[in-house]
């Protein structure tokens, strides 16, 4: 509910939310989620967030989201398994792995799960915004066919 209030507030301040530009952010750290929300909202995106893979999958039953930033170390199901499940049901989704524990083995697992990109924390905010913009540009090209 708080998120929808933020979106409404931004629209009322004269900023424009890009149509159909929803981003799913999954991270178990509430501080990181707030940072993502503030960053992407300011950049004109709508942000839906979850603190676990299971919560994300539940949200995706009701939301059509094509761009995602997934933490790899989550309680319960990890981000790699979450990506694999999402890509199975929604193969055109663009998913970004975000982790504080980078390794060459994990990178290989990420590619096999279907991640489109991989970021190691800390990552510059402008890098994430650029990744989101590029993802939506790609999706729009695909739609235009």
C-alpha atoms as a PDB file:
ATOM      1  CA  UNK A   1       0.000   0.000   0.000  1.00  0.00           C
ATOM      2  CA  UNK A   2       2.851   2.377   0.829  1.00  0.00           C
ATOM      3  CA  UNK A   3       4.356   1.840  -2.624  1.00  0.00           C
ATOM      4  CA  UNK A   4       1.135   2.800  -4.404  1.00  0.00           C
ATOM      5  CA  UNK A   5       0.998   5.962  -2.278  1.00  0.00           C
ATOM      6  CA  UNK A   6       4.561   6.844  -3.390  1.00  0.00           C
ATOM      7  CA  UNK A   7       3.639   6.354  -7.026  1.00  0.00           C
ATOM      8  CA  UNK A   8       0.557   8.516  -6.640  1.00  0.00           C
ATOM      9  CA  UNK A   9       2.617  11.227  -4.896  1.00  0.00           C
ATOM     10  CA  UNK A  10       5.157  11.259  -7.722  1.00  0.00           C
ATOM     11  CA  UNK A  11       2.409  11.501 -10.362  1.00  0.00           C
ATOM     12  CA  UNK A  12       0.854  14.384  -8.432  1.00  0.00           C
ATOM     13  CA  UNK A  13       4.173  16.238  -8.346  1.00  0.00           C
ATOM     14  CA  UNK A  14       4.084  16.370 -12.125  1.00  0.00           C
ATOM     15  CA  UNK A  15       6.564  13.594 -12.815  1.00  0.00           C
ATOM     16  CA  UNK A  16       5.569  10.966 -15.324  1.00  0.00           C
ATOM     17  CA  UNK A  17       5.794   7.260 -14.591  1.00  0.00           C
ATOM     18  CA  UNK A  18       6.754   5.453 -17.788  1.00  0.00           C
ATOM     19  CA  UNK A  19       3.837   3.352 -18.968  1.00  0.00           C
ATOM     20  CA  UNK A  20       4.209  -0.393 -18.366  1.00  0.00           C
ATOM     21  CA  UNK A  21       7.688   0.073 -16.903  1.00  0.00           C
ATOM     22  CA  UNK A  22       7.341  -2.018 -13.789  1.00  0.00           C
ATOM     23  CA  UNK A  23      10.453  -3.346 -12.125  1.00  0.00           C
ATOM     24  CA  UNK A  24      10.479  -6.204  -9.642  1.00  0.00           C
ATOM     25  CA  UNK A  25      13.135  -5.923  -6.946  1.00  0.00           C
ATOM     26  CA  UNK A  26      13.793  -8.937  -4.722  1.00  0.00           C
ATOM     27  CA  UNK A  27      16.140  -8.544  -1.757  1.00  0.00           C
ATOM     28  CA  UNK A  28      15.885  -9.693   1.849  1.00  0.00           C
ATOM     29  CA  UNK A  29      17.412  -6.413   3.118  1.00  0.00           C
ATOM     30  CA  UNK A  30      14.703  -3.744   3.611  1.00  0.00           C
ATOM     31  CA  UNK A  31      17.302  -0.971   3.364  1.00  0.00           C
ATOM     32  CA  UNK A  32      18.396  -2.172  -0.077  1.00  0.00           C
ATOM     33  CA  UNK A  33      14.762  -2.402  -1.195  1.00  0.00           C
ATOM     34  CA  UNK A  34      14.142   1.204  -0.083  1.00  0.00           C
ATOM     35  CA  UNK A  35      17.226   2.323  -2.010  1.00  0.00           C
ATOM     36  CA  UNK A  36      15.994   0.551  -5.155  1.00  0.00           C
ATOM     37  CA  UNK A  37      12.501   1.991  -4.741  1.00  0.00           C
ATOM     38  CA  UNK A  38      13.727   5.563  -4.333  1.00  0.00           C
ATOM     39  CA  UNK A  39      16.186   5.246  -7.217  1.00  0.00           C
ATOM     40  CA  UNK A  40      13.861   3.649  -9.739  1.00  0.00           C
ATOM     41  CA  UNK A  41      10.855   5.803  -8.787  1.00  0.00           C
ATOM     42  CA  UNK A  42      12.941   8.957  -9.346  1.00  0.00           C
ATOM     43  CA  UNK A  43      13.987   7.570 -12.728  1.00  0.00           C
ATOM     44  CA  UNK A  44      10.313   7.159 -13.717  1.00  0.00           C
ATOM     45  CA  UNK A  45       9.796   3.462 -13.119  1.00  0.00           C
ATOM     46  CA  UNK A  46       7.131   1.722 -11.074  1.00  0.00           C
ATOM     47  CA  UNK A  47       8.671  -0.563  -8.445  1.00  0.00           C
ATOM     48  CA  UNK A  48       7.211  -3.728  -6.965  1.00  0.00           C
ATOM     49  CA  UNK A  49       9.315  -5.336  -4.240  1.00  0.00           C
ATOM     50  CA  UNK A  50       9.559  -8.621  -2.394  1.00  0.00           C
ATOM     51  CA  UNK A  51      11.793  -9.831   0.426  1.00  0.00           C
ATOM     52  CA  UNK A  52      11.839 -13.492  -0.613  1.00  0.00           C
ATOM     53  CA  UNK A  53      11.656 -15.594  -3.751  1.00  0.00           C
ATOM     54  CA  UNK A  54       8.389 -17.090  -2.607  1.00  0.00           C
ATOM     55  CA  UNK A  55       6.852 -13.632  -2.154  1.00  0.00           C
ATOM     56  CA  UNK A  56       8.114 -12.639  -5.617  1.00  0.00           C
ATOM     57  CA  UNK A  57       6.500 -15.676  -7.245  1.00  0.00           C
ATOM     58  CA  UNK A  58       3.240 -14.860  -5.508  1.00  0.00           C
ATOM     59  CA  UNK A  59       3.379 -11.249  -6.758  1.00  0.00           C
ATOM     60  CA  UNK A  60       4.058 -12.425 -10.296  1.00  0.00           C
ATOM     61  CA  UNK A  61       0.774 -14.329 -10.321  1.00  0.00           C
ATOM     62  CA  UNK A  62      -1.034 -10.963 -10.321  1.00  0.00           C
ATOM     63  CA  UNK A  63       1.529  -8.599 -11.862  1.00  0.00           C
ATOM     64  CA  UNK A  64       2.940  -8.508 -15.379  1.00  0.00           C
ATOM     65  CA  UNK A  65       6.570  -7.479 -14.866  1.00  0.00           C
ATOM     66  CA  UNK A  66       9.306  -7.854 -17.479  1.00  0.00           C
ATOM     67  CA  UNK A  67      12.378  -6.341 -15.779  1.00  0.00           C
ATOM     68  CA  UNK A  68      13.753  -7.695 -12.506  1.00  0.00           C
ATOM     69  CA  UNK A  69      16.663  -7.226 -10.140  1.00  0.00           C
ATOM     70  CA  UNK A  70      17.119 -10.310  -7.966  1.00  0.00           C
ATOM     71  CA  UNK A  71      19.453 -10.745  -5.013  1.00  0.00           C
ATOM     72  CA  UNK A  72      21.090 -14.160  -5.140  1.00  0.00           C
ATOM     73  CA  UNK A  73      21.307 -14.831  -1.393  1.00  0.00           C
ATOM     74  CA  UNK A  74      17.722 -15.038  -0.195  1.00  0.00           C
ATOM     75  CA  UNK A  75      16.123 -16.949   2.669  1.00  0.00           C
ATOM     76  CA  UNK A  76      14.502 -20.149   1.417  1.00  0.00           C
ATOM     77  CA  UNK A  77      14.699 -20.334  -2.362  1.00  0.00           C
ATOM     78  CA  UNK A  78      17.754 -18.481  -3.675  1.00  0.00           C
ATOM     79  CA  UNK A  79      17.840 -15.985  -6.537  1.00  0.00           C
ATOM     80  CA  UNK A  80      19.250 -18.500  -9.014  1.00  0.00           C
ATOM     81  CA  UNK A  81      16.314 -20.883  -8.532  1.00  0.00           C
ATOM     82  CA  UNK A  82      13.912 -17.923  -8.600  1.00  0.00           C
ATOM     83  CA  UNK A  83      15.327 -16.785 -11.946  1.00  0.00           C
ATOM     84  CA  UNK A  84      15.058 -20.287 -13.394  1.00  0.00           C
ATOM     85  CA  UNK A  85      11.392 -20.514 -12.364  1.00  0.00           C
ATOM     86  CA  UNK A  86      10.583 -17.056 -13.726  1.00  0.00           C
ATOM     87  CA  UNK A  87      12.314 -17.745 -17.046  1.00  0.00           C
ATOM     88  CA  UNK A  88      10.433 -21.046 -17.384  1.00  0.00           C
ATOM     89  CA  UNK A  89       7.075 -19.254 -17.198  1.00  0.00           C
ATOM     90  CA  UNK A  90       8.105 -15.895 -18.695  1.00  0.00           C
ATOM     91  CA  UNK A  91      11.092 -16.404 -21.018  1.00  0.00           C
ATOM     92  CA  UNK A  92      11.050 -12.830 -22.369  1.00  0.00           C
ATOM     93  CA  UNK A  93      11.663 -11.378 -18.896  1.00  0.00           C
ATOM     94  CA  UNK A  94      14.950  -9.542 -18.461  1.00  0.00           C
ATOM     95  CA  UNK A  95      16.521 -10.508 -15.146  1.00  0.00           C
ATOM     96  CA  UNK A  96      19.524  -8.994 -13.420  1.00  0.00           C
ATOM     97  CA  UNK A  97      21.461 -10.797 -10.678  1.00  0.00           C
ATOM     98  CA  UNK A  98      22.708  -8.639  -7.821  1.00  0.00           C
ATOM     99  CA  UNK A  99      25.041 -10.114  -5.217  1.00  0.00           C
ATOM    100  CA  UNK A 100      27.586  -9.213  -2.617  1.00  0.00           C
ATOM    101  CA  UNK A 101      29.297 -12.582  -2.961  1.00  0.00           C
ATOM    102  CA  UNK A 102      30.598 -12.833  -6.522  1.00  0.00           C
ATOM    103  CA  UNK A 103      32.374 -15.917  -7.791  1.00  0.00           C
ATOM    104  CA  UNK A 104      33.083 -17.427 -11.187  1.00  0.00           C
ATOM    105  CA  UNK A 105      31.033 -20.509 -10.221  1.00  0.00           C
ATOM    106  CA  UNK A 106      28.051 -18.371  -9.248  1.00  0.00           C
ATOM    107  CA  UNK A 107      28.337 -16.420 -12.500  1.00  0.00           C
ATOM    108  CA  UNK A 108      28.156 -19.701 -14.430  1.00  0.00           C
ATOM    109  CA  UNK A 109      25.090 -20.751 -12.418  1.00  0.00           C
ATOM    110  CA  UNK A 110      23.487 -17.380 -13.163  1.00  0.00           C
ATOM    111  CA  UNK A 111      23.976 -17.775 -16.901  1.00  0.00           C
ATOM    112  CA  UNK A 112      22.524 -21.288 -16.788  1.00  0.00           C
ATOM    113  CA  UNK A 113      19.496 -20.056 -14.806  1.00  0.00           C
ATOM    114  CA  UNK A 114      18.812 -17.407 -17.455  1.00  0.00           C
ATOM    115  CA  UNK A 115      20.049 -14.152 -15.940  1.00  0.00           C
ATOM    116  CA  UNK A 116      20.677 -11.465 -18.545  1.00  0.00           C
ATOM    117  CA  UNK A 117      23.191  -9.511 -16.457  1.00  0.00           C
ATOM    118  CA  UNK A 118      25.143  -9.745 -13.209  1.00  0.00           C
ATOM    119  CA  UNK A 119      26.090  -6.983 -10.751  1.00  0.00           C
ATOM    120  CA  UNK A 120      28.304  -7.182  -7.686  1.00  0.00           C
ATOM    121  CA  UNK A 121      27.393  -5.055  -4.653  1.00  0.00           C
ATOM    122  CA  UNK A 122      28.113  -2.321  -4.133  1.00  0.00           C
ATOM    123  CA  UNK A 123      26.945  -1.230  -7.565  1.00  0.00           C
ATOM    124  CA  UNK A 124      26.540   2.374  -8.696  1.00  0.00           C
ATOM    125  CA  UNK A 125      22.934   3.546  -8.760  1.00  0.00           C
ATOM    126  CA  UNK A 126      23.346   5.038 -12.234  1.00  0.00           C
ATOM    127  CA  UNK A 127      24.518   1.625 -13.477  1.00  0.00           C
ATOM    128  CA  UNK A 128      21.287   0.005 -12.264  1.00  0.00           C
ATOM    129  CA  UNK A 129      19.146   2.761 -13.774  1.00  0.00           C
ATOM    130  CA  UNK A 130      20.967   2.394 -17.106  1.00  0.00           C
ATOM    131  CA  UNK A 131      20.433  -1.385 -16.972  1.00  0.00           C
ATOM    132  CA  UNK A 132      16.703  -0.846 -16.406  1.00  0.00           C
ATOM    133  CA  UNK A 133      16.462   1.692 -19.233  1.00  0.00           C
ATOM    134  CA  UNK A 134      18.321  -0.631 -21.603  1.00  0.00           C
ATOM    135  CA  UNK A 135      16.064  -3.536 -20.623  1.00  0.00           C
ATOM    136  CA  UNK A 136      12.902  -1.576 -21.394  1.00  0.00           C
ATOM    137  CA  UNK A 137      14.353  -0.355 -24.696  1.00  0.00           C
ATOM    138  CA  UNK A 138      15.042  -3.986 -25.629  1.00  0.00           C
ATOM    139  CA  UNK A 139      11.510  -5.046 -24.657  1.00  0.00           C
ATOM    140  CA  UNK A 140      10.033  -2.202 -26.735  1.00  0.00           C
ATOM    141  CA  UNK A 141      12.108  -3.297 -29.749  1.00  0.00           C
ATOM    142  CA  UNK A 142      10.837  -6.852 -29.312  1.00  0.00           C
ATOM    143  CA  UNK A 143       7.238  -5.634 -29.102  1.00  0.00           C
ATOM    144  CA  UNK A 144       7.653  -3.463 -32.212  1.00  0.00           C
ATOM    145  CA  UNK A 145       8.925  -6.568 -33.952  1.00  0.00           C
END
